[in-house]
Protein backbone atom coordinates (compact mmCIF):
# COMPACT_ATOMS: atom_id res chain seq x y z
CA UNK A 1 -9.92 16.46 -2.89
CA UNK A 2 -7.25 13.41 -4.00
CA UNK A 3 -4.68 12.41 -0.97
CA UNK A 4 -0.91 12.94 -2.12
CA UNK A 5 0.38 9.27 -1.43
CA UNK A 6 4.59 9.25 -0.27
CA UNK A 7 6.80 6.35 -0.07
CA UNK A 8 9.47 5.03 2.13
CA UNK A 9 12.57 4.84 -0.05
CA UNK A 10 12.43 1.23 1.23
CA UNK A 11 9.28 0.60 -0.96
CA UNK A 12 10.18 2.07 -4.20
CA UNK A 13 12.63 -0.25 -4.22
CA UNK A 14 10.22 -2.94 -3.66
CA UNK A 15 8.18 -1.44 -6.32
CA UNK A 16 11.17 -1.33 -8.55
CA UNK A 17 11.49 -5.34 -8.75
CA UNK A 18 8.26 -6.12 -8.96
CA UNK A 19 6.97 -7.83 -12.35
CA UNK A 20 5.94 -5.24 -14.66
CA UNK A 21 2.28 -6.80 -14.44
CA UNK A 22 2.03 -6.25 -10.53
CA UNK A 23 4.00 -2.76 -11.04
CA UNK A 24 0.72 -2.04 -12.91
CA UNK A 25 -1.61 -3.44 -10.47
CA UNK A 26 0.18 -1.44 -8.12
CA UNK A 27 -0.37 1.63 -9.93
CA UNK A 28 -3.77 1.12 -10.81
CA UNK A 29 -4.82 0.38 -6.68
CA UNK A 30 -2.80 3.34 -5.80
CA UNK A 31 -4.56 5.83 -8.11
CA UNK A 32 -7.89 4.38 -6.35
CA UNK A 33 -6.04 5.09 -2.81
CA UNK A 34 -5.31 8.60 -4.10
CA UNK A 35 -8.87 9.05 -4.39
CA UNK A 36 -10.74 6.89 -1.20
CA UNK A 37 -8.16 5.46 1.39
CA UNK A 38 -10.88 3.73 3.12
CA UNK A 39 -12.41 2.50 -0.35
CA UNK A 40 -14.48 -1.02 0.45
CA UNK A 41 -14.02 -1.83 -3.57
CA UNK A 42 -10.28 -2.57 -2.48
CA UNK A 43 -11.29 -4.69 0.03
CA UNK A 44 -8.91 -2.62 2.89
CA UNK A 45 -8.37 -4.11 6.27
CA UNK A 46 -6.83 -2.50 9.21
CA UNK A 47 -3.75 -4.49 10.75
CA UNK A 48 -3.47 -5.62 14.44
CA UNK A 49 -0.84 -3.70 16.12
CA UNK A 50 0.43 -0.59 17.79
CA UNK A 51 0.40 1.64 14.01
CA UNK A 52 -2.43 2.20 11.99
CA UNK A 53 -1.34 0.43 9.33
CA UNK A 54 -3.54 -1.16 6.71
CA UNK A 55 -3.33 -3.62 3.67
CA UNK A 56 -4.46 -4.11 0.03
CA UNK A 57 -4.35 -7.60 -1.65
CA UNK A 58 -2.51 -7.84 -4.75
CA UNK A 59 -2.51 -11.23 -6.17
CA UNK A 60 0.08 -12.32 -4.04
CA UNK A 61 1.85 -9.33 -3.11
CA UNK A 62 0.33 -7.18 -0.11
CA UNK A 63 0.67 -2.83 0.01
CA UNK A 64 1.37 -1.95 3.44
CA UNK A 65 0.35 2.17 3.59
CA UNK A 66 -0.59 4.09 6.65
CA UNK A 67 -2.78 7.59 6.93
CA UNK A 68 -0.58 10.21 8.00
CA UNK A 69 -2.88 13.27 7.93
CA UNK A 70 -6.21 14.55 5.99
CA UNK A 71 -4.56 14.64 2.60
CA UNK A 72 -1.74 12.17 2.63
CA UNK A 73 -1.02 8.56 3.24
CA UNK A 74 2.43 6.82 2.85
CA UNK A 75 3.69 3.58 1.56
CA UNK A 76 5.08 1.76 4.20
CA UNK A 77 5.66 -1.69 2.34
CA UNK A 78 5.01 -3.57 -1.20
CA UNK A 79 5.89 -7.29 -0.96
CA UNK A 80 5.13 -10.59 -1.65
CA UNK A 81 3.36 -11.40 0.95
CA UNK A 82 5.19 -14.78 2.40
CA UNK A 83 7.46 -11.91 3.07
CA UNK A 84 5.37 -8.44 4.05
CA UNK A 85 4.44 -8.90 7.31
CA UNK A 86 7.77 -9.64 8.75
CA UNK A 87 9.62 -6.87 11.46
CA UNK A 88 6.70 -4.29 10.67
């Protein structure tokens, strides 16, 4: 079964501000996340800290997400790598 992907409203705004070529890459990654949010192909890393957050590299951008339930994940942030970890 495929996972449902939800976005924070701020993550939607961040996505809309991305260059078109990066948006296409993000959408491709999202399709792969729906199938398996732990995929080794995406080189997912768990972030250190309190929450169960994961990150995926997409060129110079990072997608931060967390798994909410057995079939749902939440995209927290999509930003350039220099800004993504601030106030996380």
